[in-house]
Amino acid sequence: MDDVNYTLFEWLNAPALPSGCLLALAKFLGEYLIALMPLLLAGCWLWGGARQRKAALEALAAALSALGLNQLIAWLWPQPRPFMLGLGHCFLNHAADASFPSDHLTLWWSVAASFWLGRAMRNCGYGLLAAGLPMAWARIYLGVHFPLDMLGAAAVAWFSAWVAYRLAWRYLPPVYCAALAMERQLSSYFSSHSGSVK
C-alpha cells in the first residue's frame, strides 16, 4: 500500500521547477479555497430560508465531528507528511504534524456530503464534491499530503456527514432554536446600540 501511495505521490507532486501559473493555481486551490467554506455556511444562515439554515447547521455538525475524528486518528496513528520523509518537492510552509487524513479535504467534503445527503442544498453539494478533487490534487502537488490522506479524508467526511444526517432529528431542533434566539439577541443588541449612537 505504501508503495502505491508513494508512487502516486511522485506522479502528482510538483517538479523541482514547476510552472509559475500552475504553482499559483495550486496554492489558491490548496491553501485559500477553504476560506470559502465558512463564508458559504454564513451565507446560508444570513440569506437562506429555514431549510438552508438547518442544512448549514447540519453541515457544521458534520464538519466539527469530522475534524474531531481526524484528531483522534492522527493521535492513534500519526503518519508523516512527504517533506518529513524527504520525499518530493514542497512548496507550502506547513507544520510537521500528522498527515493522515487531510483536514482541508475532510472539512470541505464533510460539508459537501452533508449538503448532498440533506437534499435541501443537494446541487450545491454536487458542486462542492467536484471542487474537492482539484483541492486534493493541489495539496499533493504542493507536497504536503499523500494520495492516501485524501482517501482517508473522504472516508471520514462521508461517515461524519452520514452520522450527522441520521442524528439530525435529535440535535437539530434545539440547536436551531438556540441559534435563532442568539440571532435575535444579537440583532436586538446592535439595534439598541446603533440607536443610542444616533
N, C-alpha and C. Protein backbone atom coordinates (compact mmCIF):
# COMPACT_ATOMS: atom_id res chain seq x y z
N MET A 1 0.83 -1.21 0.00
CA MET A 1 0.00 0.00 0.00
C MET A 1 0.86 1.25 0.00
N ASP A 2 1.93 1.23 0.82
CA ASP A 2 2.83 2.39 0.86
C ASP A 2 3.48 2.62 -0.48
N ASP A 3 3.85 1.54 -1.18
CA ASP A 3 4.50 1.69 -2.48
C ASP A 3 3.57 2.39 -3.47
N VAL A 4 2.31 1.98 -3.48
CA VAL A 4 1.33 2.62 -4.38
C VAL A 4 1.14 4.08 -3.98
N ASN A 5 1.04 4.33 -2.69
CA ASN A 5 0.85 5.68 -2.18
C ASN A 5 2.01 6.58 -2.59
N TYR A 6 3.24 6.10 -2.41
CA TYR A 6 4.43 6.89 -2.75
C TYR A 6 4.55 7.08 -4.25
N THR A 7 4.22 6.05 -5.02
CA THR A 7 4.30 6.16 -6.48
C THR A 7 3.32 7.20 -7.01
N LEU A 8 2.08 7.17 -6.51
CA LEU A 8 1.09 8.16 -6.92
C LEU A 8 1.51 9.56 -6.50
N PHE A 9 2.10 9.67 -5.31
CA PHE A 9 2.57 10.97 -4.85
C PHE A 9 3.63 11.53 -5.78
N GLU A 10 4.61 10.70 -6.15
CA GLU A 10 5.68 11.16 -7.03
C GLU A 10 5.15 11.57 -8.39
N TRP A 11 4.06 10.92 -8.82
CA TRP A 11 3.47 11.25 -10.11
C TRP A 11 2.71 12.58 -10.05
N LEU A 12 2.05 12.85 -8.92
CA LEU A 12 1.21 14.05 -8.79
C LEU A 12 1.95 15.25 -8.21
N ASN A 13 3.04 15.02 -7.52
CA ASN A 13 3.78 16.10 -6.88
C ASN A 13 4.47 16.99 -7.91
N ALA A 14 4.62 18.26 -7.56
CA ALA A 14 5.23 19.23 -8.47
C ALA A 14 6.69 18.89 -8.73
N PRO A 15 7.20 19.22 -9.92
CA PRO A 15 8.63 19.06 -10.18
C PRO A 15 9.44 20.10 -9.42
N ALA A 16 10.74 20.00 -9.50
CA ALA A 16 11.60 20.94 -8.79
C ALA A 16 11.41 22.37 -9.28
N LEU A 17 11.13 22.53 -10.57
CA LEU A 17 10.91 23.85 -11.16
C LEU A 17 9.55 23.86 -11.85
N PRO A 18 8.48 24.03 -11.09
CA PRO A 18 7.14 23.98 -11.68
C PRO A 18 6.80 25.26 -12.43
N SER A 19 5.77 25.16 -13.25
CA SER A 19 5.24 26.34 -13.93
C SER A 19 4.71 27.33 -12.90
N GLY A 20 5.03 28.60 -13.10
CA GLY A 20 4.57 29.62 -12.17
C GLY A 20 3.06 29.70 -12.09
N CYS A 21 2.41 29.59 -13.25
CA CYS A 21 0.94 29.66 -13.28
C CYS A 21 0.32 28.45 -12.57
N LEU A 22 0.88 27.28 -12.82
CA LEU A 22 0.34 26.07 -12.20
C LEU A 22 0.57 26.08 -10.69
N LEU A 23 1.72 26.61 -10.29
CA LEU A 23 2.01 26.70 -8.85
C LEU A 23 1.07 27.68 -8.17
N ALA A 24 0.79 28.81 -8.82
CA ALA A 24 -0.14 29.79 -8.25
C ALA A 24 -1.54 29.20 -8.14
N LEU A 25 -1.96 28.46 -9.16
CA LEU A 25 -3.27 27.81 -9.12
C LEU A 25 -3.34 26.80 -7.99
N ALA A 26 -2.29 26.01 -7.84
CA ALA A 26 -2.26 25.00 -6.77
C ALA A 26 -2.31 25.66 -5.40
N LYS A 27 -1.62 26.77 -5.24
CA LYS A 27 -1.63 27.45 -3.94
C LYS A 27 -3.01 28.02 -3.63
N PHE A 28 -3.69 28.53 -4.66
CA PHE A 28 -5.04 29.04 -4.44
C PHE A 28 -5.98 27.90 -4.04
N LEU A 29 -5.92 26.81 -4.78
CA LEU A 29 -6.81 25.68 -4.51
C LEU A 29 -6.48 24.99 -3.19
N GLY A 30 -5.19 24.85 -2.92
CA GLY A 30 -4.77 24.07 -1.77
C GLY A 30 -4.66 24.82 -0.47
N GLU A 31 -4.63 26.17 -0.55
CA GLU A 31 -4.43 26.95 0.67
C GLU A 31 -5.56 27.93 0.95
N TYR A 32 -6.10 28.56 -0.09
CA TYR A 32 -7.05 29.66 0.12
C TYR A 32 -8.50 29.31 -0.19
N LEU A 33 -8.75 28.31 -1.02
CA LEU A 33 -10.13 27.99 -1.39
C LEU A 33 -10.96 27.59 -0.18
N ILE A 34 -10.32 26.99 0.81
CA ILE A 34 -11.02 26.54 2.01
C ILE A 34 -11.71 27.69 2.75
N ALA A 35 -11.21 28.92 2.54
CA ALA A 35 -11.80 30.08 3.21
C ALA A 35 -13.23 30.34 2.75
N LEU A 36 -13.60 29.80 1.60
CA LEU A 36 -14.97 29.98 1.11
C LEU A 36 -15.99 29.21 1.94
N MET A 37 -15.54 28.16 2.63
CA MET A 37 -16.49 27.30 3.34
C MET A 37 -17.22 28.02 4.48
N PRO A 38 -16.50 28.70 5.39
CA PRO A 38 -17.24 29.44 6.43
C PRO A 38 -18.10 30.55 5.85
N LEU A 39 -17.65 31.16 4.74
CA LEU A 39 -18.47 32.19 4.10
C LEU A 39 -19.75 31.60 3.53
N LEU A 40 -19.64 30.40 2.97
CA LEU A 40 -20.82 29.73 2.43
C LEU A 40 -21.82 29.39 3.53
N LEU A 41 -21.32 28.85 4.63
CA LEU A 41 -22.22 28.50 5.74
C LEU A 41 -22.86 29.74 6.35
N ALA A 42 -22.07 30.80 6.48
CA ALA A 42 -22.63 32.05 6.99
C ALA A 42 -23.68 32.61 6.04
N GLY A 43 -23.41 32.52 4.74
CA GLY A 43 -24.37 32.99 3.75
C GLY A 43 -25.67 32.21 3.79
N CYS A 44 -25.57 30.90 4.00
CA CYS A 44 -26.78 30.07 4.13
C CYS A 44 -27.64 30.54 5.29
N TRP A 45 -26.98 30.92 6.38
CA TRP A 45 -27.73 31.36 7.56
C TRP A 45 -28.30 32.76 7.38
N LEU A 46 -27.50 33.66 6.84
CA LEU A 46 -27.92 35.06 6.76
C LEU A 46 -28.97 35.30 5.69
N TRP A 47 -28.87 34.58 4.56
CA TRP A 47 -29.77 34.88 3.44
C TRP A 47 -30.64 33.70 3.03
N GLY A 48 -30.50 32.58 3.70
CA GLY A 48 -31.30 31.42 3.34
C GLY A 48 -32.59 31.34 4.15
N GLY A 49 -33.46 30.44 3.71
CA GLY A 49 -34.68 30.17 4.45
C GLY A 49 -34.42 29.15 5.55
N ALA A 50 -35.49 28.64 6.14
CA ALA A 50 -35.35 27.69 7.24
C ALA A 50 -34.62 26.42 6.80
N ARG A 51 -34.92 25.92 5.60
CA ARG A 51 -34.29 24.69 5.13
C ARG A 51 -32.79 24.89 4.94
N GLN A 52 -32.41 26.04 4.35
CA GLN A 52 -30.99 26.31 4.13
C GLN A 52 -30.25 26.52 5.45
N ARG A 53 -30.91 27.17 6.39
CA ARG A 53 -30.29 27.39 7.69
C ARG A 53 -30.06 26.07 8.43
N LYS A 54 -31.04 25.21 8.39
CA LYS A 54 -30.89 23.90 9.03
C LYS A 54 -29.82 23.07 8.33
N ALA A 55 -29.74 23.20 7.00
CA ALA A 55 -28.70 22.49 6.26
C ALA A 55 -27.32 22.98 6.66
N ALA A 56 -27.19 24.28 6.88
CA ALA A 56 -25.90 24.84 7.30
C ALA A 56 -25.51 24.34 8.69
N LEU A 57 -26.46 24.27 9.60
CA LEU A 57 -26.17 23.76 10.95
C LEU A 57 -25.80 22.28 10.92
N GLU A 58 -26.50 21.53 10.09
CA GLU A 58 -26.18 20.10 9.97
C GLU A 58 -24.80 19.91 9.37
N ALA A 59 -24.46 20.73 8.37
CA ALA A 59 -23.13 20.66 7.76
C ALA A 59 -22.05 21.04 8.75
N LEU A 60 -22.34 22.04 9.58
CA LEU A 60 -21.39 22.45 10.61
C LEU A 60 -21.16 21.31 11.61
N ALA A 61 -22.23 20.62 11.99
CA ALA A 61 -22.10 19.48 12.90
C ALA A 61 -21.26 18.38 12.27
N ALA A 62 -21.48 18.13 10.98
CA ALA A 62 -20.69 17.12 10.27
C ALA A 62 -19.22 17.50 10.22
N ALA A 63 -18.95 18.78 9.92
CA ALA A 63 -17.57 19.24 9.81
C ALA A 63 -16.83 19.17 11.14
N LEU A 64 -17.49 19.61 12.20
CA LEU A 64 -16.84 19.60 13.52
C LEU A 64 -16.57 18.18 14.00
N SER A 65 -17.53 17.29 13.79
CA SER A 65 -17.32 15.91 14.21
C SER A 65 -16.24 15.24 13.36
N ALA A 66 -16.19 15.58 12.07
CA ALA A 66 -15.17 15.01 11.19
C ALA A 66 -13.77 15.47 11.60
N LEU A 67 -13.63 16.75 11.89
CA LEU A 67 -12.32 17.26 12.32
C LEU A 67 -11.92 16.66 13.66
N GLY A 68 -12.89 16.47 14.54
CA GLY A 68 -12.59 15.81 15.82
C GLY A 68 -12.12 14.38 15.62
N LEU A 69 -12.76 13.67 14.70
CA LEU A 69 -12.36 12.30 14.39
C LEU A 69 -10.96 12.27 13.78
N ASN A 70 -10.66 13.27 12.95
CA ASN A 70 -9.32 13.39 12.38
C ASN A 70 -8.26 13.49 13.47
N GLN A 71 -8.54 14.30 14.48
CA GLN A 71 -7.58 14.47 15.57
C GLN A 71 -7.35 13.16 16.30
N LEU A 72 -8.41 12.39 16.48
CA LEU A 72 -8.28 11.10 17.15
C LEU A 72 -7.44 10.14 16.31
N ILE A 73 -7.70 10.11 15.01
CA ILE A 73 -6.93 9.24 14.11
C ILE A 73 -5.46 9.64 14.10
N ALA A 74 -5.20 10.94 14.02
CA ALA A 74 -3.81 11.42 14.00
C ALA A 74 -3.09 11.08 15.29
N TRP A 75 -3.82 11.06 16.40
CA TRP A 75 -3.21 10.73 17.69
C TRP A 75 -2.93 9.24 17.80
N LEU A 76 -3.87 8.43 17.31
CA LEU A 76 -3.71 6.98 17.41
C LEU A 76 -2.76 6.41 16.35
N TRP A 77 -2.74 7.05 15.18
CA TRP A 77 -1.95 6.51 14.06
C TRP A 77 -1.29 7.67 13.30
N PRO A 78 -0.33 8.34 13.91
CA PRO A 78 0.31 9.50 13.27
C PRO A 78 1.14 9.10 12.06
N GLN A 79 0.88 9.76 10.96
CA GLN A 79 1.60 9.49 9.72
C GLN A 79 2.34 10.75 9.27
N PRO A 80 3.61 10.63 8.87
CA PRO A 80 4.39 11.80 8.48
C PRO A 80 3.96 12.36 7.13
N ARG A 81 4.22 13.64 6.95
CA ARG A 81 3.98 14.28 5.67
C ARG A 81 5.15 13.96 4.73
N PRO A 82 4.95 14.12 3.42
CA PRO A 82 6.02 13.79 2.47
C PRO A 82 7.34 14.50 2.76
N PHE A 83 7.27 15.80 3.07
CA PHE A 83 8.52 16.54 3.29
C PHE A 83 9.22 16.09 4.57
N MET A 84 8.48 15.49 5.48
CA MET A 84 9.10 14.96 6.70
C MET A 84 9.92 13.71 6.42
N LEU A 85 9.62 13.06 5.29
CA LEU A 85 10.36 11.87 4.87
C LEU A 85 11.39 12.19 3.80
N GLY A 86 11.47 13.47 3.43
CA GLY A 86 12.40 13.85 2.37
C GLY A 86 11.93 13.45 0.99
N LEU A 87 10.62 13.29 0.82
CA LEU A 87 10.07 12.88 -0.47
C LEU A 87 9.52 14.07 -1.23
N GLY A 88 9.73 14.07 -2.53
CA GLY A 88 9.13 15.06 -3.40
C GLY A 88 9.63 16.47 -3.17
N HIS A 89 8.83 17.43 -3.63
CA HIS A 89 9.15 18.85 -3.51
C HIS A 89 8.00 19.55 -2.81
N CYS A 90 8.31 20.33 -1.80
CA CYS A 90 7.30 21.02 -1.01
C CYS A 90 7.33 22.51 -1.32
N PHE A 91 6.17 23.07 -1.65
CA PHE A 91 6.07 24.48 -2.00
C PHE A 91 5.08 25.22 -1.09
N LEU A 92 4.87 24.68 0.10
CA LEU A 92 3.94 25.30 1.04
C LEU A 92 4.50 25.14 2.45
N ASN A 93 4.64 26.26 3.14
CA ASN A 93 5.10 26.19 4.53
C ASN A 93 4.03 25.52 5.38
N HIS A 94 4.40 24.46 6.04
CA HIS A 94 3.42 23.70 6.81
C HIS A 94 4.08 23.10 8.03
N ALA A 95 3.34 23.04 9.12
CA ALA A 95 3.86 22.41 10.34
C ALA A 95 4.13 20.93 10.09
N ALA A 96 5.12 20.41 10.76
CA ALA A 96 5.47 19.00 10.62
C ALA A 96 4.60 18.15 11.55
N ASP A 97 3.30 18.15 11.25
CA ASP A 97 2.36 17.37 12.06
C ASP A 97 1.82 16.20 11.25
N ALA A 98 0.85 15.51 11.80
CA ALA A 98 0.32 14.30 11.15
C ALA A 98 -0.34 14.63 9.82
N SER A 99 -0.14 13.75 8.86
CA SER A 99 -0.62 13.98 7.50
C SER A 99 -1.97 13.33 7.22
N PHE A 100 -2.28 12.25 7.92
CA PHE A 100 -3.47 11.45 7.61
C PHE A 100 -4.52 11.60 8.71
N PRO A 101 -5.77 11.89 8.32
CA PRO A 101 -6.27 12.30 7.00
C PRO A 101 -6.07 13.82 6.79
N SER A 102 -6.31 14.29 5.60
CA SER A 102 -6.18 15.72 5.31
C SER A 102 -7.33 16.50 5.95
N ASP A 103 -6.98 17.45 6.83
CA ASP A 103 -8.02 18.28 7.46
C ASP A 103 -8.73 19.15 6.43
N HIS A 104 -7.96 19.69 5.47
CA HIS A 104 -8.55 20.53 4.43
C HIS A 104 -9.68 19.80 3.71
N LEU A 105 -9.35 18.62 3.20
CA LEU A 105 -10.34 17.87 2.43
C LEU A 105 -11.45 17.33 3.31
N THR A 106 -11.12 16.97 4.54
CA THR A 106 -12.15 16.49 5.46
C THR A 106 -13.20 17.56 5.71
N LEU A 107 -12.74 18.77 5.98
CA LEU A 107 -13.68 19.88 6.20
C LEU A 107 -14.52 20.12 4.96
N TRP A 108 -13.87 20.21 3.82
CA TRP A 108 -14.56 20.53 2.57
C TRP A 108 -15.58 19.45 2.21
N TRP A 109 -15.14 18.21 2.23
CA TRP A 109 -16.02 17.13 1.79
C TRP A 109 -17.08 16.77 2.83
N SER A 110 -16.84 17.04 4.10
CA SER A 110 -17.89 16.78 5.09
C SER A 110 -19.07 17.72 4.89
N VAL A 111 -18.79 18.98 4.59
CA VAL A 111 -19.86 19.93 4.29
C VAL A 111 -20.55 19.55 2.98
N ALA A 112 -19.75 19.20 1.97
CA ALA A 112 -20.31 18.81 0.68
C ALA A 112 -21.21 17.58 0.82
N ALA A 113 -20.74 16.58 1.54
CA ALA A 113 -21.52 15.36 1.73
C ALA A 113 -22.79 15.63 2.53
N SER A 114 -22.68 16.51 3.52
CA SER A 114 -23.85 16.86 4.32
C SER A 114 -24.91 17.55 3.47
N PHE A 115 -24.49 18.48 2.62
CA PHE A 115 -25.43 19.15 1.73
C PHE A 115 -26.09 18.13 0.79
N TRP A 116 -25.29 17.20 0.29
CA TRP A 116 -25.82 16.22 -0.65
C TRP A 116 -26.82 15.29 0.03
N LEU A 117 -26.49 14.85 1.22
CA LEU A 117 -27.38 13.93 1.94
C LEU A 117 -28.68 14.60 2.37
N GLY A 118 -28.57 15.88 2.76
CA GLY A 118 -29.74 16.58 3.29
C GLY A 118 -30.74 17.03 2.26
N ARG A 119 -30.37 17.06 0.99
CA ARG A 119 -31.26 17.36 -0.14
C ARG A 119 -31.65 18.82 -0.28
N ALA A 120 -31.70 19.57 0.81
CA ALA A 120 -32.11 20.98 0.70
C ALA A 120 -31.14 21.76 -0.16
N MET A 121 -29.86 21.36 -0.15
CA MET A 121 -28.84 22.04 -0.95
C MET A 121 -28.03 21.01 -1.74
N ARG A 122 -28.72 20.03 -2.30
CA ARG A 122 -28.04 18.93 -2.99
C ARG A 122 -27.22 19.41 -4.18
N ASN A 123 -27.74 20.35 -4.96
CA ASN A 123 -26.98 20.84 -6.11
C ASN A 123 -25.67 21.49 -5.68
N CYS A 124 -25.74 22.23 -4.58
CA CYS A 124 -24.53 22.83 -4.03
C CYS A 124 -23.57 21.73 -3.57
N GLY A 125 -24.12 20.67 -3.01
CA GLY A 125 -23.30 19.54 -2.58
C GLY A 125 -22.55 18.91 -3.73
N TYR A 126 -23.23 18.75 -4.86
CA TYR A 126 -22.56 18.21 -6.05
C TYR A 126 -21.37 19.09 -6.43
N GLY A 127 -21.60 20.40 -6.46
CA GLY A 127 -20.53 21.32 -6.85
C GLY A 127 -19.35 21.27 -5.90
N LEU A 128 -19.64 21.21 -4.60
CA LEU A 128 -18.57 21.17 -3.61
C LEU A 128 -17.80 19.85 -3.68
N LEU A 129 -18.51 18.75 -3.90
CA LEU A 129 -17.83 17.47 -4.04
C LEU A 129 -16.86 17.50 -5.22
N ALA A 130 -17.31 18.07 -6.34
CA ALA A 130 -16.44 18.17 -7.51
C ALA A 130 -15.26 19.10 -7.26
N ALA A 131 -15.51 20.22 -6.58
CA ALA A 131 -14.44 21.18 -6.30
C ALA A 131 -13.39 20.61 -5.36
N GLY A 132 -13.76 19.60 -4.58
CA GLY A 132 -12.79 18.99 -3.68
C GLY A 132 -11.70 18.23 -4.41
N LEU A 133 -11.98 17.76 -5.62
CA LEU A 133 -10.98 16.99 -6.37
C LEU A 133 -9.76 17.82 -6.74
N PRO A 134 -9.92 19.01 -7.35
CA PRO A 134 -8.72 19.83 -7.59
C PRO A 134 -8.05 20.29 -6.31
N MET A 135 -8.80 20.46 -5.23
CA MET A 135 -8.17 20.81 -3.96
C MET A 135 -7.28 19.67 -3.48
N ALA A 136 -7.76 18.44 -3.64
CA ALA A 136 -6.96 17.28 -3.26
C ALA A 136 -5.69 17.21 -4.09
N TRP A 137 -5.83 17.41 -5.40
CA TRP A 137 -4.65 17.43 -6.28
C TRP A 137 -3.66 18.48 -5.82
N ALA A 138 -4.16 19.67 -5.48
CA ALA A 138 -3.28 20.78 -5.12
C ALA A 138 -2.47 20.47 -3.86
N ARG A 139 -3.09 19.85 -2.88
CA ARG A 139 -2.38 19.54 -1.63
C ARG A 139 -1.26 18.52 -1.88
N ILE A 140 -1.50 17.60 -2.80
CA ILE A 140 -0.46 16.64 -3.17
C ILE A 140 0.61 17.32 -4.02
N TYR A 141 0.17 18.13 -4.97
CA TYR A 141 1.10 18.84 -5.86
C TYR A 141 2.06 19.72 -5.07
N LEU A 142 1.55 20.35 -4.02
CA LEU A 142 2.37 21.25 -3.21
C LEU A 142 3.27 20.50 -2.23
N GLY A 143 3.08 19.20 -2.11
CA GLY A 143 3.99 18.39 -1.32
C GLY A 143 3.67 18.25 0.15
N VAL A 144 2.43 18.55 0.55
CA VAL A 144 2.09 18.46 1.98
C VAL A 144 1.21 17.26 2.32
N HIS A 145 0.79 16.51 1.30
CA HIS A 145 -0.06 15.34 1.55
C HIS A 145 0.25 14.23 0.56
N PHE A 146 -0.07 13.02 0.98
CA PHE A 146 -0.04 11.84 0.12
C PHE A 146 -1.46 11.58 -0.41
N PRO A 147 -1.58 10.86 -1.53
CA PRO A 147 -2.91 10.50 -2.03
C PRO A 147 -3.76 9.75 -0.99
N LEU A 148 -3.12 8.89 -0.18
CA LEU A 148 -3.87 8.14 0.82
C LEU A 148 -4.52 9.07 1.84
N ASP A 149 -3.91 10.22 2.09
CA ASP A 149 -4.50 11.19 3.02
C ASP A 149 -5.86 11.67 2.51
N MET A 150 -5.99 11.76 1.19
CA MET A 150 -7.23 12.22 0.59
C MET A 150 -8.32 11.15 0.67
N LEU A 151 -7.92 9.90 0.50
CA LEU A 151 -8.89 8.81 0.66
C LEU A 151 -9.38 8.74 2.10
N GLY A 152 -8.47 8.93 3.03
CA GLY A 152 -8.87 8.96 4.44
C GLY A 152 -9.82 10.10 4.73
N ALA A 153 -9.53 11.27 4.14
CA ALA A 153 -10.40 12.43 4.33
C ALA A 153 -11.80 12.16 3.78
N ALA A 154 -11.87 11.53 2.62
CA ALA A 154 -13.17 11.22 2.02
C ALA A 154 -13.96 10.27 2.92
N ALA A 155 -13.29 9.26 3.46
CA ALA A 155 -13.98 8.29 4.32
C ALA A 155 -14.49 8.95 5.60
N VAL A 156 -13.65 9.75 6.24
CA VAL A 156 -14.05 10.43 7.47
C VAL A 156 -15.18 11.41 7.19
N ALA A 157 -15.06 12.16 6.10
CA ALA A 157 -16.06 13.16 5.76
C ALA A 157 -17.43 12.53 5.52
N TRP A 158 -17.48 11.48 4.72
CA TRP A 158 -18.76 10.84 4.42
C TRP A 158 -19.35 10.17 5.66
N PHE A 159 -18.50 9.54 6.46
CA PHE A 159 -19.00 8.91 7.68
C PHE A 159 -19.60 9.95 8.63
N SER A 160 -18.88 11.05 8.83
CA SER A 160 -19.36 12.09 9.74
C SER A 160 -20.63 12.75 9.22
N ALA A 161 -20.68 12.98 7.92
CA ALA A 161 -21.88 13.58 7.33
C ALA A 161 -23.07 12.64 7.47
N TRP A 162 -22.84 11.36 7.28
CA TRP A 162 -23.93 10.38 7.40
C TRP A 162 -24.44 10.33 8.84
N VAL A 163 -23.53 10.32 9.81
CA VAL A 163 -23.94 10.30 11.22
C VAL A 163 -24.71 11.57 11.57
N ALA A 164 -24.20 12.72 11.11
CA ALA A 164 -24.88 13.99 11.38
C ALA A 164 -26.27 14.01 10.75
N TYR A 165 -26.39 13.42 9.57
CA TYR A 165 -27.68 13.36 8.88
C TYR A 165 -28.66 12.44 9.62
N ARG A 166 -28.17 11.27 10.04
CA ARG A 166 -29.03 10.30 10.70
C ARG A 166 -29.49 10.76 12.09
N LEU A 167 -28.65 11.56 12.75
CA LEU A 167 -28.98 12.01 14.11
C LEU A 167 -29.56 13.43 14.14
N ALA A 168 -29.80 14.01 12.97
CA ALA A 168 -30.27 15.40 12.91
C ALA A 168 -31.58 15.59 13.66
N TRP A 169 -32.45 14.60 13.62
CA TRP A 169 -33.75 14.72 14.30
C TRP A 169 -33.58 14.95 15.80
N ARG A 170 -32.43 14.50 16.33
CA ARG A 170 -32.22 14.59 17.77
C ARG A 170 -31.61 15.94 18.18
N TYR A 171 -30.58 16.38 17.44
CA TYR A 171 -29.86 17.59 17.88
C TYR A 171 -30.26 18.86 17.14
N LEU A 172 -30.79 18.71 15.91
CA LEU A 172 -31.02 19.91 15.10
C LEU A 172 -32.11 20.83 15.64
N PRO A 173 -33.27 20.34 16.09
CA PRO A 173 -34.30 21.27 16.59
C PRO A 173 -33.83 22.16 17.74
N PRO A 174 -33.21 21.61 18.81
CA PRO A 174 -32.76 22.52 19.88
C PRO A 174 -31.63 23.45 19.45
N VAL A 175 -30.72 22.96 18.61
CA VAL A 175 -29.63 23.81 18.13
C VAL A 175 -30.17 24.93 17.26
N TYR A 176 -31.13 24.60 16.40
CA TYR A 176 -31.73 25.61 15.52
C TYR A 176 -32.45 26.68 16.34
N CYS A 177 -33.20 26.26 17.34
CA CYS A 177 -33.90 27.22 18.21
C CYS A 177 -32.91 28.10 18.97
N ALA A 178 -31.84 27.50 19.46
CA ALA A 178 -30.82 28.26 20.18
C ALA A 178 -30.14 29.27 19.26
N ALA A 179 -29.87 28.86 18.02
CA ALA A 179 -29.24 29.77 17.06
C ALA A 179 -30.16 30.94 16.72
N LEU A 180 -31.45 30.66 16.56
CA LEU A 180 -32.41 31.73 16.29
C LEU A 180 -32.49 32.70 17.46
N ALA A 181 -32.49 32.16 18.68
CA ALA A 181 -32.55 33.01 19.87
C ALA A 181 -31.30 33.89 19.96
N MET A 182 -30.15 33.31 19.66
CA MET A 182 -28.91 34.07 19.69
C MET A 182 -28.92 35.17 18.63
N GLU A 183 -29.46 34.84 17.45
CA GLU A 183 -29.55 35.83 16.39
C GLU A 183 -30.44 36.99 16.81
N ARG A 184 -31.58 36.69 17.45
CA ARG A 184 -32.48 37.74 17.90
C ARG A 184 -31.82 38.62 18.96
N GLN A 185 -31.08 38.00 19.87
CA GLN A 185 -30.40 38.76 20.91
C GLN A 185 -29.34 39.68 20.32
N LEU A 186 -28.58 39.17 19.37
CA LEU A 186 -27.55 39.99 18.73
C LEU A 186 -28.18 41.12 17.94
N SER A 187 -29.26 40.81 17.24
CA SER A 187 -29.95 41.84 16.46
C SER A 187 -30.50 42.93 17.38
N SER A 188 -31.09 42.52 18.50
CA SER A 188 -31.62 43.49 19.46
C SER A 188 -30.50 44.33 20.07
N TYR A 189 -29.39 43.68 20.37
CA TYR A 189 -28.25 44.38 20.98
C TYR A 189 -27.71 45.45 20.05
N PHE A 190 -27.47 45.07 18.79
CA PHE A 190 -26.90 46.02 17.85
C PHE A 190 -27.89 47.12 17.48
N SER A 191 -29.19 46.77 17.45
CA SER A 191 -30.21 47.78 17.15
C SER A 191 -30.27 48.83 18.25
N SER A 192 -30.23 48.38 19.50
CA SER A 192 -30.29 49.32 20.62
C SER A 192 -29.04 50.19 20.69
N HIS A 193 -27.89 49.62 20.39
CA HIS A 193 -26.66 50.40 20.45
C HIS A 193 -26.53 51.36 19.28
N SER A 194 -27.03 50.94 18.11
CA SER A 194 -26.99 51.86 16.97
C SER A 194 -27.94 53.03 17.20
N GLY A 195 -29.06 52.76 17.90
CA GLY A 195 -29.99 53.84 18.22
C GLY A 195 -29.40 54.81 19.22
N SER A 196 -28.63 54.30 20.19
CA SER A 196 -28.03 55.19 21.19
C SER A 196 -26.93 56.05 20.60
N VAL A 197 -26.25 55.51 19.57
CA VAL A 197 -25.19 56.29 18.91
C VAL A 197 -25.79 57.48 18.19
N LYS A 198 -26.95 57.28 17.59
CA LYS A 198 -27.60 58.39 16.89
C LYS A 198 -27.98 59.49 17.88
